[in-house]
C-alpha atoms as a PDB file:
ATOM      1  CA  MET A   1      15.813  88.752  27.740  1.00  0.00           C
ATOM      2  CA  ARG A   2      15.068  88.197  31.614  1.00  0.00           C
ATOM      3  CA  ILE A   3      17.818  88.332  34.048  1.00  0.00           C
ATOM      4  CA  THR A   4      17.022  85.957  37.293  1.00  0.00           C
ATOM      5  CA  ILE A   5      17.811  87.622  40.696  1.00  0.00           C
ATOM      6  CA  GLN A   6      20.757  85.459  41.339  1.00  0.00           C
ATOM      7  CA  ARG A   7      22.433  86.352  38.231  1.00  0.00           C
ATOM      8  CA  ALA A   8      22.004  89.934  38.660  1.00  0.00           C
ATOM      9  CA  MET A   9      23.409  89.775  42.186  1.00  0.00           C
ATOM     10  CA  ARG A  10      26.762  87.894  40.710  1.00  0.00           C
ATOM     11  CA  ILE A  11      27.140  90.833  38.215  1.00  0.00           C
ATOM     12  CA  LEU A  12      26.672  93.308  40.956  1.00  0.00           C
ATOM     13  CA  VAL A  13      29.235  91.572  43.219  1.00  0.00           C
ATOM     14  CA  ALA A  14      31.631  90.935  40.210  1.00  0.00           C
ATOM     15  CA  GLY A  15      31.536  94.841  39.793  1.00  0.00           C
ATOM     16  CA  ALA A  16      32.175  95.752  43.142  1.00  0.00           C
ATOM     17  CA  VAL A  17      35.283  93.416  43.236  1.00  0.00           C
ATOM     18  CA  LEU A  18      36.674  95.062  40.183  1.00  0.00           C
ATOM     19  CA  ALA A  19      35.829  98.343  41.257  1.00  0.00           C
ATOM     20  CA  ALA A  20      37.485  97.734  44.613  1.00  0.00           C
ATOM     21  CA  ALA A  21      40.676  96.512  42.979  1.00  0.00           C
ATOM     22  CA  ALA A  22      41.073  99.529  40.657  1.00  0.00           C
ATOM     23  CA  MET A  23      40.913 101.801  43.785  1.00  0.00           C
ATOM     24  CA  PRO A  24      43.971 102.421  46.224  1.00  0.00           C
ATOM     25  CA  LEU A  25      43.659 100.955  49.543  1.00  0.00           C
ATOM     26  CA  ALA A  26      42.345 103.364  52.392  1.00  0.00           C
ATOM     27  CA  GLY A  27      44.698 105.966  53.519  1.00  0.00           C
ATOM     28  CA  GLN A  28      47.061 105.048  50.829  1.00  0.00           C
ATOM     29  CA  SER A  29      48.255 107.404  47.705  1.00  0.00           C
ATOM     30  CA  PRO A  30      49.566 106.367  44.592  1.00  0.00           C
ATOM     31  CA  PRO A  31      53.489 106.535  44.327  1.00  0.00           C
ATOM     32  CA  TYR A  32      54.901 109.498  43.665  1.00  0.00           C
ATOM     33  CA  ARG A  33      56.016 110.233  40.047  1.00  0.00           C
ATOM     34  CA  ALA A  34      58.975 112.843  40.066  1.00  0.00           C
ATOM     35  CA  PRO A  35      58.760 115.611  37.034  1.00  0.00           C
ATOM     36  CA  ARG A  36      60.784 114.579  34.077  1.00  0.00           C
ATOM     37  CA  ALA A  37      63.900 116.204  32.766  1.00  0.00           C
ATOM     38  CA  ASP A  38      65.381 116.421  29.281  1.00  0.00           C
ATOM     39  CA  GLY A  39      65.622 112.973  28.091  1.00  0.00           C
ATOM     40  CA  GLY A  40      62.735 111.738  30.092  1.00  0.00           C
ATOM     41  CA  LYS A  41      64.346 110.741  33.357  1.00  0.00           C
ATOM     42  CA  PRO A  42      63.297 112.066  36.814  1.00  0.00           C
ATOM     43  CA  ASP A  43      64.523 115.466  37.426  1.00  0.00           C
ATOM     44  CA  LEU A  44      67.239 115.875  40.227  1.00  0.00           C
ATOM     45  CA  ASN A  45      67.970 119.506  39.267  1.00  0.00           C
ATOM     46  CA  GLY A  46      68.317 121.731  42.423  1.00  0.00           C
ATOM     47  CA  ILE A  47      69.967 122.755  45.425  1.00  0.00           C
ATOM     48  CA  TRP A  48      70.122 120.112  48.023  1.00  0.00           C
ATOM     49  CA  GLN A  49      71.227 119.303  51.502  1.00  0.00           C
ATOM     50  CA  THR A  50      71.028 116.955  54.175  1.00  0.00           C
ATOM     51  CA  LEU A  51      69.512 117.696  57.792  1.00  0.00           C
ATOM     52  CA  ASN A  52      71.583 115.236  60.066  1.00  0.00           C
ATOM     53  CA  GLU A  53      74.493 114.926  62.285  1.00  0.00           C
ATOM     54  CA  ALA A  54      76.522 112.282  60.017  1.00  0.00           C
ATOM     55  CA  ASN A  55      79.414 114.551  59.467  1.00  0.00           C
ATOM     56  CA  TYR A  56      80.156 114.569  63.109  1.00  0.00           C
ATOM     57  CA  ASP A  57      79.901 110.535  63.029  1.00  0.00           C
ATOM     58  CA  LEU A  58      77.993 108.219  60.685  1.00  0.00           C
ATOM     59  CA  GLU A  59      77.141 105.829  63.713  1.00  0.00           C
ATOM     60  CA  GLY A  60      74.844 106.550  66.390  1.00  0.00           C
ATOM     61  CA  HIS A  61      76.592 108.599  69.036  1.00  0.00           C
ATOM     62  CA  ASN A  62      75.824 110.600  72.150  1.00  0.00           C
ATOM     63  CA  ALA A  63      76.627 114.285  72.824  1.00  0.00           C
ATOM     64  CA  ARG A  64      79.817 114.975  74.204  1.00  0.00           C
ATOM     65  CA  PRO A  65      82.145 117.930  75.109  1.00  0.00           C
ATOM     66  CA  ALA A  66      84.157 118.218  72.208  1.00  0.00           C
ATOM     67  CA  MET A  67      85.705 116.133  68.950  1.00  0.00           C
ATOM     68  CA  ALA A  68      89.187 116.488  70.714  1.00  0.00           C
ATOM     69  CA  LEU A  69      89.130 115.320  74.242  1.00  0.00           C
ATOM     70  CA  MET A  70      91.444 114.957  77.187  1.00  0.00           C
ATOM     71  CA  PRO A  71      91.128 112.956  80.755  1.00  0.00           C
ATOM     72  CA  GLY A  72      89.423 115.216  83.474  1.00  0.00           C
ATOM     73  CA  PRO A  73      88.983 114.384  87.182  1.00  0.00           C
ATOM     74  CA  TYR A  74      85.366 113.202  86.560  1.00  0.00           C
ATOM     75  CA  GLY A  75      85.673 112.173  82.975  1.00  0.00           C
ATOM     76  CA  PRO A  76      86.644 113.503  79.584  1.00  0.00           C
ATOM     77  CA  VAL A  77      86.914 117.595  78.900  1.00  0.00           C
ATOM     78  CA  PRO A  78      87.649 119.280  76.057  1.00  0.00           C
ATOM     79  CA  ALA A  79      91.063 119.210  75.095  1.00  0.00           C
ATOM     80  CA  GLY A  80      93.364 122.577  75.454  1.00  0.00           C
ATOM     81  CA  PRO A  81      93.303 123.668  71.880  1.00  0.00           C
ATOM     82  CA  VAL A  82      89.838 123.499  71.663  1.00  0.00           C
ATOM     83  CA  LEU A  83      88.926 124.578  75.378  1.00  0.00           C
ATOM     84  CA  ALA A  84      87.734 128.218  74.555  1.00  0.00           C
ATOM     85  CA  LEU A  85      85.243 127.053  71.959  1.00  0.00           C
ATOM     86  CA  GLY A  86      82.968 125.908  74.687  1.00  0.00           C
ATOM     87  CA  ALA A  87      79.671 124.740  73.729  1.00  0.00           C
ATOM     88  CA  VAL A  88      80.172 125.746  70.238  1.00  0.00           C
ATOM     89  CA  GLY A  89      82.893 122.823  69.921  1.00  0.00           C
ATOM     90  CA  ALA A  90      80.611 120.493  71.320  1.00  0.00           C
ATOM     91  CA  VAL A  91      79.319 117.449  69.539  1.00  0.00           C
ATOM     92  CA  PRO A  92      75.462 116.923  69.438  1.00  0.00           C
ATOM     93  CA  PRO A  93      74.032 113.529  69.575  1.00  0.00           C
ATOM     94  CA  GLY A  94      72.964 111.572  66.451  1.00  0.00           C
ATOM     95  CA  LEU A  95      70.915 108.637  65.662  1.00  0.00           C
ATOM     96  CA  GLY A  96      73.226 107.414  63.046  1.00  0.00           C
ATOM     97  CA  VAL A  97      72.882 106.848  59.314  1.00  0.00           C
ATOM     98  CA  VAL A  98      74.453 103.243  59.051  1.00  0.00           C
ATOM     99  CA  ASP A  99      72.343 100.466  58.121  1.00  0.00           C
ATOM    100  CA  GLY A 100      72.526  98.017  61.045  1.00  0.00           C
ATOM    101  CA  GLY A 101      74.233 100.656  63.310  1.00  0.00           C
ATOM    102  CA  VAL A 102      77.807  99.375  63.276  1.00  0.00           C
ATOM    103  CA  ILE A 103      80.522 100.156  60.552  1.00  0.00           C
ATOM    104  CA  PRO A 104      81.959  96.282  59.975  1.00  0.00           C
ATOM    105  CA  TYR A 105      85.544  97.383  60.340  1.00  0.00           C
ATOM    106  CA  LYS A 106      88.386  94.708  60.520  1.00  0.00           C
ATOM    107  CA  PRO A 107      90.050  94.480  63.819  1.00  0.00           C
ATOM    108  CA  GLU A 108      93.272  96.061  63.115  1.00  0.00           C
ATOM    109  CA  ALA A 109      91.433  98.880  61.107  1.00  0.00           C
ATOM    110  CA  LEU A 110      89.211  99.391  64.058  1.00  0.00           C
ATOM    111  CA  VAL A 111      92.459 100.267  66.170  1.00  0.00           C
ATOM    112  CA  GLN A 112      93.219 102.763  63.271  1.00  0.00           C
ATOM    113  CA  LYS A 113      89.919 104.503  63.493  1.00  0.00           C
ATOM    114  CA  ASN A 114      90.141 104.953  66.995  1.00  0.00           C
ATOM    115  CA  GLU A 115      93.635 106.318  66.842  1.00  0.00           C
ATOM    116  CA  ASN A 116      92.307 108.476  64.118  1.00  0.00           C
ATOM    117  CA  GLN A 117      89.451 109.817  66.642  1.00  0.00           C
ATOM    118  CA  ALA A 118      91.958 110.551  69.259  1.00  0.00           C
ATOM    119  CA  ASN A 119      94.058 112.634  66.845  1.00  0.00           C
ATOM    120  CA  TRP A 120      91.133 114.302  65.233  1.00  0.00           C
ATOM    121  CA  LEU A 121      92.785 117.749  65.551  1.00  0.00           C
ATOM    122  CA  SER A 122      95.913 116.942  63.544  1.00  0.00           C
ATOM    123  CA  ARG A 123      94.553 114.305  61.092  1.00  0.00           C
ATOM    124  CA  ASP A 124      91.033 115.107  59.644  1.00  0.00           C
ATOM    125  CA  PRO A 125      91.368 116.330  56.219  1.00  0.00           C
ATOM    126  CA  GLU A 126      88.268 118.565  56.749  1.00  0.00           C
ATOM    127  CA  ILE A 127      90.198 120.587  59.214  1.00  0.00           C
ATOM    128  CA  LYS A 128      92.680 121.343  56.547  1.00  0.00           C
ATOM    129  CA  CYS A 129      89.948 121.999  53.606  1.00  0.00           C
ATOM    130  CA  TYR A 130      91.126 118.953  51.697  1.00  0.00           C
ATOM    131  CA  LEU A 131      88.391 117.974  49.257  1.00  0.00           C
ATOM    132  CA  PRO A 132      85.771 115.653  51.231  1.00  0.00           C
ATOM    133  CA  GLY A 133      85.582 112.550  48.922  1.00  0.00           C
ATOM    134  CA  VAL A 134      82.547 110.475  48.263  1.00  0.00           C
ATOM    135  CA  PRO A 135      80.142 110.130  50.109  1.00  0.00           C
ATOM    136  CA  ARG A 136      81.287 112.554  52.594  1.00  0.00           C
ATOM    137  CA  ALA A 137      80.628 115.650  50.274  1.00  0.00           C
ATOM    138  CA  THR A 138      77.215 114.553  50.493  1.00  0.00           C
ATOM    139  CA  TYR A 139      76.526 115.362  54.135  1.00  0.00           C
ATOM    140  CA  ILE A 140      79.089 118.054  54.921  1.00  0.00           C
ATOM    141  CA  PRO A 141      76.758 120.434  56.457  1.00  0.00           C
ATOM    142  CA  GLN A 142      76.642 122.896  53.407  1.00  0.00           C
ATOM    143  CA  PRO A 143      74.438 122.756  50.256  1.00  0.00           C
ATOM    144  CA  PHE A 144      75.219 121.235  46.875  1.00  0.00           C
ATOM    145  CA  ARG A 145      73.651 122.064  43.148  1.00  0.00           C
ATOM    146  CA  ILE A 146      72.730 118.857  40.870  1.00  0.00           C
ATOM    147  CA  LEU A 147      72.768 120.157  36.940  1.00  0.00           C
ATOM    148  CA  GLN A 148      71.197 117.557  34.781  1.00  0.00           C
ATOM    149  CA  SER A 149      70.445 117.315  31.377  1.00  0.00           C
ATOM    150  CA  ALA A 150      69.730 114.677  28.886  1.00  0.00           C
ATOM    151  CA  SER A 151      73.464 113.878  28.383  1.00  0.00           C
ATOM    152  CA  GLN A 152      75.130 114.944  31.417  1.00  0.00           C
ATOM    153  CA  ILE A 153      75.042 115.136  35.213  1.00  0.00           C
ATOM    154  CA  PHE A 154      77.011 117.667  37.233  1.00  0.00           C
ATOM    155  CA  ILE A 155      77.285 118.267  41.210  1.00  0.00           C
ATOM    156  CA  ALA A 156      78.662 121.425  42.291  1.00  0.00           C
ATOM    157  CA  TYR A 157      79.448 121.538  46.102  1.00  0.00           C
ATOM    158  CA  GLN A 158      79.476 124.709  48.362  1.00  0.00           C
ATOM    159  CA  TYR A 159      82.295 123.018  50.590  1.00  0.00           C
ATOM    160  CA  ALA A 160      85.694 123.759  49.248  1.00  0.00           C
ATOM    161  CA  GLY A 161      84.453 124.365  45.518  1.00  0.00           C
ATOM    162  CA  ALA A 162      84.481 120.576  45.161  1.00  0.00           C
ATOM    163  CA  VAL A 163      82.866 119.120  41.947  1.00  0.00           C
ATOM    164  CA  ARG A 164      81.716 115.629  40.282  1.00  0.00           C
ATOM    165  CA  ASN A 165      81.084 114.988  36.618  1.00  0.00           C
ATOM    166  CA  ILE A 166      79.024 111.995  36.558  1.00  0.00           C
ATOM    167  CA  TYR A 167      79.826 110.174  33.258  1.00  0.00           C
ATOM    168  CA  LEU A 168      76.757 108.584  31.687  1.00  0.00           C
ATOM    169  CA  LYS A 169      78.776 106.413  29.222  1.00  0.00           C
ATOM    170  CA  ASP A 170      81.429 104.001  30.894  1.00  0.00           C
ATOM    171  CA  PRO A 171      84.818 105.657  30.979  1.00  0.00           C
ATOM    172  CA  GLY A 172      86.642 102.571  31.572  1.00  0.00           C
ATOM    173  CA  PRO A 173      89.118 102.364  34.789  1.00  0.00           C
ATOM    174  CA  ALA A 174      89.990 105.677  36.608  1.00  0.00           C
ATOM    175  CA  GLN A 175      93.283 106.884  35.096  1.00  0.00           C
ATOM    176  CA  VAL A 176      94.726 108.181  38.403  1.00  0.00           C
ATOM    177  CA  ASP A 177      93.330 108.198  41.996  1.00  0.00           C
ATOM    178  CA  SER A 178      91.801 111.204  43.269  1.00  0.00           C
ATOM    179  CA  TRP A 179      90.182 112.729  46.303  1.00  0.00           C
ATOM    180  CA  MET A 180      86.612 112.618  44.688  1.00  0.00           C
ATOM    181  CA  GLY A 181      86.941 109.678  42.594  1.00  0.00           C
ATOM    182  CA  GLN A 182      85.686 108.980  39.079  1.00  0.00           C
ATOM    183  CA  SER A 183      81.895 108.761  38.828  1.00  0.00           C
ATOM    184  CA  PHE A 184      79.816 106.558  36.391  1.00  0.00           C
ATOM    185  CA  GLY A 185      76.164 106.930  36.458  1.00  0.00           C
ATOM    186  CA  HIS A 186      73.113 104.816  34.817  1.00  0.00           C
ATOM    187  CA  TRP A 187      69.342 104.762  35.549  1.00  0.00           C
ATOM    188  CA  GLU A 188      67.723 101.902  37.016  1.00  0.00           C
ATOM    189  CA  GLY A 189      64.014 102.716  36.574  1.00  0.00           C
ATOM    190  CA  ASP A 190      63.592 106.023  38.274  1.00  0.00           C
ATOM    191  CA  THR A 191      66.608 105.703  40.429  1.00  0.00           C
ATOM    192  CA  LEU A 192      70.023 107.292  39.425  1.00  0.00           C
ATOM    193  CA  VAL A 193      72.913 104.575  40.204  1.00  0.00           C
ATOM    194  CA  VAL A 194      76.272 106.190  40.566  1.00  0.00           C
ATOM    195  CA  ASP A 195      79.350 103.922  40.572  1.00  0.00           C
ATOM    196  CA  VAL A 196      82.379 105.785  42.102  1.00  0.00           C
ATOM    197  CA  SER A 197      86.128 104.442  42.177  1.00  0.00           C
ATOM    198  CA  GLY A 198      89.529 105.682  41.545  1.00  0.00           C
ATOM    199  CA  PHE A 199      89.978 107.099  45.255  1.00  0.00           C
ATOM    200  CA  ASN A 200      93.203 107.903  46.994  1.00  0.00           C
ATOM    201  CA  ASP A 201      93.325 107.160  50.696  1.00  0.00           C
ATOM    202  CA  GLN A 202      93.511 110.514  52.159  1.00  0.00           C
ATOM    203  CA  THR A 203      89.549 111.455  52.773  1.00  0.00           C
ATOM    204  CA  TRP A 204      87.566 110.612  55.921  1.00  0.00           C
ATOM    205  CA  PHE A 205      83.821 109.542  56.020  1.00  0.00           C
ATOM    206  CA  ASP A 206      83.212 111.934  59.005  1.00  0.00           C
ATOM    207  CA  ARG A 207      85.004 113.770  62.083  1.00  0.00           C
ATOM    208  CA  ALA A 208      84.963 110.401  64.058  1.00  0.00           C
ATOM    209  CA  GLY A 209      87.900 109.132  62.558  1.00  0.00           C
ATOM    210  CA  ASN A 210      86.373 106.583  60.259  1.00  0.00           C
ATOM    211  CA  PHE A 211      88.437 106.057  57.182  1.00  0.00           C
ATOM    212  CA  HIS A 212      89.237 103.879  54.034  1.00  0.00           C
ATOM    213  CA  SER A 213      92.082 102.794  51.711  1.00  0.00           C
ATOM    214  CA  ASP A 214      92.785 103.320  48.213  1.00  0.00           C
ATOM    215  CA  ALA A 215      90.641 100.130  47.512  1.00  0.00           C
ATOM    216  CA  LEU A 216      87.340 102.349  48.184  1.00  0.00           C
ATOM    217  CA  HIS A 217      84.289 101.563  45.885  1.00  0.00           C
ATOM    218  CA  VAL A 218      81.197 103.510  46.467  1.00  0.00           C
ATOM    219  CA  VAL A 219      77.712 102.915  44.781  1.00  0.00           C
ATOM    220  CA  GLU A 220      75.035 105.760  45.480  1.00  0.00           C
ATOM    221  CA  ARG A 221      71.536 105.681  44.588  1.00  0.00           C
ATOM    222  CA  TYR A 222      69.622 108.833  44.060  1.00  0.00           C
ATOM    223  CA  SER A 223      65.497 108.519  44.099  1.00  0.00           C
ATOM    224  CA  ARG A 224      63.022 111.463  44.099  1.00  0.00           C
ATOM    225  CA  THR A 225      60.500 110.473  46.611  1.00  0.00           C
ATOM    226  CA  SER A 226      58.542 113.718  46.866  1.00  0.00           C
ATOM    227  CA  PRO A 227      58.612 117.205  45.250  1.00  0.00           C
ATOM    228  CA  ASP A 228      61.210 118.269  47.686  1.00  0.00           C
ATOM    229  CA  VAL A 229      63.141 115.285  48.824  1.00  0.00           C
ATOM    230  CA  ILE A 230      65.670 112.706  47.480  1.00  0.00           C
ATOM    231  CA  SER A 231      66.389 109.311  49.169  1.00  0.00           C
ATOM    232  CA  TYR A 232      70.062 108.881  49.296  1.00  0.00           C
ATOM    233  CA  GLU A 233      71.943 105.710  49.815  1.00  0.00           C
ATOM    234  CA  ALA A 234      75.558 104.851  49.548  1.00  0.00           C
ATOM    235  CA  THR A 235      76.844 101.337  49.485  1.00  0.00           C
ATOM    236  CA  ILE A 236      80.556 101.232  50.778  1.00  0.00           C
ATOM    237  CA  GLU A 237      83.109  98.510  50.080  1.00  0.00           C
ATOM    238  CA  ASP A 238      86.704  98.353  50.893  1.00  0.00           C
ATOM    239  CA  PRO A 239      88.245  94.831  51.712  1.00  0.00           C
ATOM    240  CA  LYS A 240      91.471  96.388  53.077  1.00  0.00           C
ATOM    241  CA  VAL A 241      89.512  97.845  56.128  1.00  0.00           C
ATOM    242  CA  PHE A 242      86.148  96.379  56.237  1.00  0.00           C
ATOM    243  CA  THR A 243      84.720  92.738  56.461  1.00  0.00           C
ATOM    244  CA  ARG A 244      81.881  93.125  54.216  1.00  0.00           C
ATOM    245  CA  PRO A 245      80.191  95.903  52.337  1.00  0.00           C
ATOM    246  CA  TRP A 246      77.949  98.479  54.281  1.00  0.00           C
ATOM    247  CA  LYS A 247      75.390 101.009  53.627  1.00  0.00           C
ATOM    248  CA  ILE A 248      74.382 104.699  54.933  1.00  0.00           C
ATOM    249  CA  SER A 249      71.003 106.107  53.846  1.00  0.00           C
ATOM    250  CA  MET A 250      69.561 109.745  54.294  1.00  0.00           C
ATOM    251  CA  PRO A 251      66.940 112.241  52.887  1.00  0.00           C
ATOM    252  CA  LEU A 252      68.380 115.020  50.973  1.00  0.00           C
ATOM    253  CA  TYR A 253      66.236 118.090  51.491  1.00  0.00           C
ATOM    254  CA  ARG A 254      65.631 120.825  48.592  1.00  0.00           C
ATOM    255  CA  ARG A 255      66.690 124.485  49.848  1.00  0.00           C
ATOM    256  CA  GLN A 256      63.510 126.482  50.135  1.00  0.00           C
ATOM    257  CA  GLU A 257      64.676 129.922  49.995  1.00  0.00           C
ATOM    258  CA  LYS A 258      63.582 132.207  46.794  1.00  0.00           C
ATOM    259  CA  ASN A 259      67.330 133.212  45.829  1.00  0.00           C
ATOM    260  CA  ALA A 260      68.834 129.865  46.849  1.00  0.00           C
ATOM    261  CA  GLN A 261      72.125 129.269  45.306  1.00  0.00           C
ATOM    262  CA  ILE A 262      75.523 128.076  46.015  1.00  0.00           C
ATOM    263  CA  LEU A 263      78.060 130.421  47.301  1.00  0.00           C
ATOM    264  CA  ASP A 264      81.750 130.510  47.724  1.00  0.00           C
ATOM    265  CA  PHE A 265      83.204 128.740  50.395  1.00  0.00           C
ATOM    266  CA  LYS A 266      86.849 128.070  49.207  1.00  0.00           C
ATOM    267  CA  CYS A 267      88.297 127.459  52.365  1.00  0.00           C
ATOM    268  CA  VAL A 268      92.016 126.757  51.436  1.00  0.00           C
ATOM    269  CA  GLU A 269      92.898 130.408  52.094  1.00  0.00           C
ATOM    270  CA  PHE A 270      91.220 130.065  55.786  1.00  0.00           C
ATOM    271  CA  VAL A 271      93.665 127.453  56.770  1.00  0.00           C
ATOM    272  CA  GLU A 272      96.879 128.794  55.407  1.00  0.00           C
ATOM    273  CA  GLU A 273      97.993 130.272  58.962  1.00  0.00           C
ATOM    274  CA  LEU A 274      97.267 126.731  60.430  1.00  0.00           C
ATOM    275  CA  VAL A 275      98.992 124.661  57.441  1.00  0.00           C
ATOM    276  CA  TYR A 276     102.258 126.975  56.776  1.00  0.00           C
ATOM    277  CA  GLY A 277     102.036 129.844  59.559  1.00  0.00           C
ATOM    278  CA  GLN A 278     105.080 128.243  61.352  1.00  0.00           C
ATOM    279  CA  TRP A 279     107.291 129.041  58.353  1.00  0.00           C
ATOM    280  CA  ARG A 280     106.686 132.700  58.458  1.00  0.00           C
ATOM    281  CA  LYS A 281     109.906 134.892  58.544  1.00  0.00           C
ATOM    282  CA  LYS A 282     108.219 135.967  61.791  1.00  0.00           C
ATOM    283  CA  PRO A 283     105.655 133.826  62.936  1.00  0.00           C
ATOM    284  CA  LEU A 284     102.462 135.017  64.688  1.00  0.00           C
ATOM    285  CA  SER A 285     101.534 134.454  68.153  1.00  0.00           C
ATOM    286  CA  ARG A 286      99.323 131.772  68.968  1.00  0.00           C
END
């Protein structure tokens, strides 16, 4: 059978189009596919940690002399109780992790936030080693371990020995409000989605006084995007405090040390003198 030149050209062109369609665009690599854990879901096991300034302030912020300030002759200076910390007590600048840049407070709640910031030394729960809550536990500047099997997901945080059991079957409404809330997880494709509710109103989001009420509801999303990175998002809803839901996002990085592990940082004993020292029979001088 003879093939005309025109027909041969059409066959060559069609073949080239099909080949091009099957190839990724120049400079692009195929989407990352995470290794699988037991049960066939993406493997989130490991020790992870953030690398940002979110625990100082979720919103973008400039460097400042200290978290606790007092008026000075030419601008704010460190308050008396933190003056001796010098540069160690300074606040590093941060680009912020809030989508849109600004937390949408109701006007009266913004007043409360500013009061919290002005009274940081006496009000921040982190200073007294209270459990950090969610999502703050994620970006407290200490590592945490995710333990995952086909039927269970558990997170152990180094800070204050905090832990979370992520239920994979709906446990129903939380029976009691707590610092870390109740976590219910499910998979949407390769993303772990965790619905967290049942909070008390005692935790903050950061050292800048950003706070919530007992109506807090958090939805987290964990997605492996490379061998050593999890993309983390948390959508925050609290109709008592905020005008609308808002979201934070950040990468979580795998700790690379060969002997990486979670160590003890049960800081309650470190603040006993701060919290109870004034009731000693013979108080220590300060």
